[in-house]
Amino acid sequence: MSDTDDRRKLQDVMLSYAAAVDDRDMVRYRACFADNVEIVGFGDATVTGADTWTASVESQLEAFSATQHLMSPQLATISGDTASARTDVQALHILKDGDNAMFTLWATYLSDFVRTGGGWKITRHELVVRGTQQTP
């Protein structure tokens, strides 16, 4: 596999991640993660396990009538069957309560990956918040 192919596949994981959240496709979302993924920065506690994390995200999405996650190109480092990437994100969230108030997040995802028989999977995923804004 070439470096270019791996970079494209890593970016596809993150694009699939974003599309799955926005489409509320939790099967597709879950497929982005290794079973024992570590999730950091999405709250006070670290979450371990893809099933636990996917259920948490599905529950959190109930507060929004729609979301849109806009992802930047990645800055990726690949070393054999492991990789890490920085992906900037702007995420728009339309709140169900509050007359379509919008919550906007500017952030960076710092993600580690492992190559598996089923493709690249996220093994650690960290959210670094750059800023937020809520409009009525």
Protein backbone atom coordinates (compact mmCIF):
# COMPACT_ATOMS: atom_id res chain seq x y z
CA MET A 1 0.00 0.00 0.00
CA SER A 2 1.41 3.40 -0.92
CA ASP A 3 1.61 6.37 1.39
CA THR A 4 -0.87 8.19 -0.86
CA ASP A 5 -3.38 5.31 -0.65
CA ASP A 6 -3.06 5.18 3.14
CA ARG A 7 -3.55 8.93 3.45
CA ARG A 8 -6.72 8.74 1.34
CA LYS A 9 -8.03 5.85 3.42
CA LEU A 10 -7.32 7.67 6.68
CA GLN A 11 -9.16 10.73 5.39
CA ASP A 12 -12.04 8.47 4.31
CA VAL A 13 -12.36 7.20 7.89
CA MET A 14 -12.79 10.75 9.18
CA LEU A 15 -15.17 11.71 6.37
CA SER A 16 -17.20 8.58 7.10
CA TYR A 17 -17.17 9.55 10.80
CA ALA A 18 -18.63 12.98 9.97
CA ALA A 19 -21.19 11.68 7.47
CA ALA A 20 -22.34 9.00 9.90
CA VAL A 21 -22.95 11.56 12.67
CA ASP A 22 -24.81 13.90 10.34
CA ASP A 23 -26.88 11.05 8.86
CA ARG A 24 -27.44 9.46 12.29
CA ASP A 25 -25.99 6.20 10.95
CA MET A 26 -24.64 4.63 14.12
CA VAL A 27 -23.63 1.38 12.38
CA ARG A 28 -21.38 3.35 10.04
CA TYR A 29 -20.13 5.49 12.93
CA ARG A 30 -19.24 2.45 15.04
CA ALA A 31 -17.31 0.96 12.10
CA CYS A 32 -14.82 3.86 12.29
CA PHE A 33 -13.45 2.68 15.65
CA ALA A 34 -11.36 -0.15 17.02
CA ASP A 35 -13.21 -2.05 19.74
CA ASN A 36 -11.03 -0.66 22.54
CA VAL A 37 -10.89 2.96 21.32
CA GLU A 38 -10.03 5.66 23.85
CA ILE A 39 -12.06 8.88 23.58
CA VAL A 40 -10.66 12.04 25.18
CA GLY A 41 -11.85 15.64 25.45
CA PHE A 42 -15.55 15.20 24.73
CA GLY A 43 -16.34 15.65 28.42
CA ASP A 44 -14.67 15.35 31.78
CA ALA A 45 -14.14 11.59 31.63
CA THR A 46 -12.22 9.47 29.16
CA VAL A 47 -14.47 6.94 27.43
CA THR A 48 -13.12 3.51 26.57
CA GLY A 49 -14.79 1.19 24.09
CA ALA A 50 -16.43 1.77 20.72
CA ASP A 51 -19.84 0.42 21.73
CA THR A 52 -19.97 2.65 24.82
CA TRP A 53 -18.87 5.69 22.81
CA THR A 54 -21.31 5.06 19.96
CA ALA A 55 -24.24 4.73 22.39
CA SER A 56 -23.19 7.97 24.09
CA VAL A 57 -23.02 9.87 20.78
CA GLU A 58 -26.39 8.50 19.68
CA SER A 59 -27.92 9.76 22.94
CA GLN A 60 -26.24 13.19 22.65
CA LEU A 61 -27.53 13.64 19.09
CA GLU A 62 -31.12 13.57 20.36
CA ALA A 63 -30.71 17.24 21.38
CA PHE A 64 -30.23 18.33 17.74
CA SER A 65 -32.59 18.43 14.79
CA ALA A 66 -29.61 18.53 12.42
CA THR A 67 -25.82 18.67 12.41
CA GLN A 68 -23.17 19.28 9.80
CA HIS A 69 -19.50 18.45 10.35
CA LEU A 70 -17.10 20.13 7.92
CA MET A 71 -13.69 18.46 7.92
CA SER A 72 -10.37 19.85 6.76
CA PRO A 73 -7.74 17.90 4.88
CA GLN A 74 -5.62 15.91 7.31
CA LEU A 75 -2.08 16.27 8.44
CA ALA A 76 -1.20 12.57 8.80
CA THR A 77 1.86 10.62 9.87
CA ILE A 78 1.97 6.95 8.88
CA SER A 79 4.33 4.35 10.30
CA GLY A 80 3.64 0.87 9.00
CA ASP A 81 0.27 -0.26 10.38
CA THR A 82 -0.22 2.72 12.68
CA ALA A 83 -0.93 6.35 11.95
CA SER A 84 -1.87 9.61 13.59
CA ALA A 85 -3.70 12.55 12.09
CA ARG A 86 -4.82 16.06 12.84
CA THR A 87 -8.18 16.95 11.30
CA ASP A 88 -9.72 20.37 11.87
CA VAL A 89 -13.51 20.50 12.10
CA GLN A 90 -16.29 23.04 12.11
CA ALA A 91 -19.46 21.45 13.43
CA LEU A 92 -22.84 23.13 13.21
CA HIS A 93 -25.60 21.88 15.52
CA ILE A 94 -29.26 22.98 15.24
CA LEU A 95 -30.83 22.67 18.68
CA LYS A 96 -34.31 21.11 18.88
CA ASP A 97 -35.26 23.42 21.74
CA GLY A 98 -34.82 27.16 21.32
CA ASP A 99 -36.41 28.08 17.99
CA ASN A 100 -33.65 26.52 15.88
CA ALA A 101 -30.81 28.05 17.85
CA MET A 102 -27.45 27.04 16.41
CA PHE A 103 -24.38 25.88 18.31
CA THR A 104 -21.12 26.05 16.36
CA LEU A 105 -17.93 24.27 17.38
CA TRP A 106 -14.46 24.95 15.99
CA ALA A 107 -12.09 22.18 16.97
CA THR A 108 -9.28 19.82 16.07
CA TYR A 109 -9.50 16.04 16.15
CA LEU A 110 -6.25 14.31 17.08
CA SER A 111 -6.72 10.69 16.09
CA ASP A 112 -4.55 7.58 16.21
CA PHE A 113 -5.29 4.70 13.85
CA VAL A 114 -4.37 1.07 13.35
CA ARG A 115 -4.61 -0.88 10.11
CA THR A 116 -6.85 -3.93 10.54
CA GLY A 117 -8.21 -6.59 8.20
CA GLY A 118 -11.25 -4.31 7.87
CA GLY A 119 -9.23 -1.21 7.05
CA TRP A 120 -7.99 1.67 9.18
CA LYS A 121 -9.72 2.07 12.57
CA ILE A 122 -9.47 4.87 15.15
CA THR A 123 -7.75 3.67 18.36
CA ARG A 124 -7.61 7.03 20.16
CA HIS A 125 -9.68 10.10 19.38
CA GLU A 126 -9.19 13.45 21.10
CA LEU A 127 -11.23 16.62 20.74
CA VAL A 128 -9.34 19.91 21.18
CA VAL A 129 -11.88 22.73 21.32
CA ARG A 130 -10.74 25.95 19.63
CA GLY A 131 -13.96 27.91 20.17
CA THR A 132 -17.74 27.76 20.37
CA GLN A 133 -20.64 30.06 19.62
CA GLN A 134 -24.37 29.76 20.18
CA THR A 135 -26.82 31.94 18.31
CA PRO A 136 -30.47 32.29 19.30
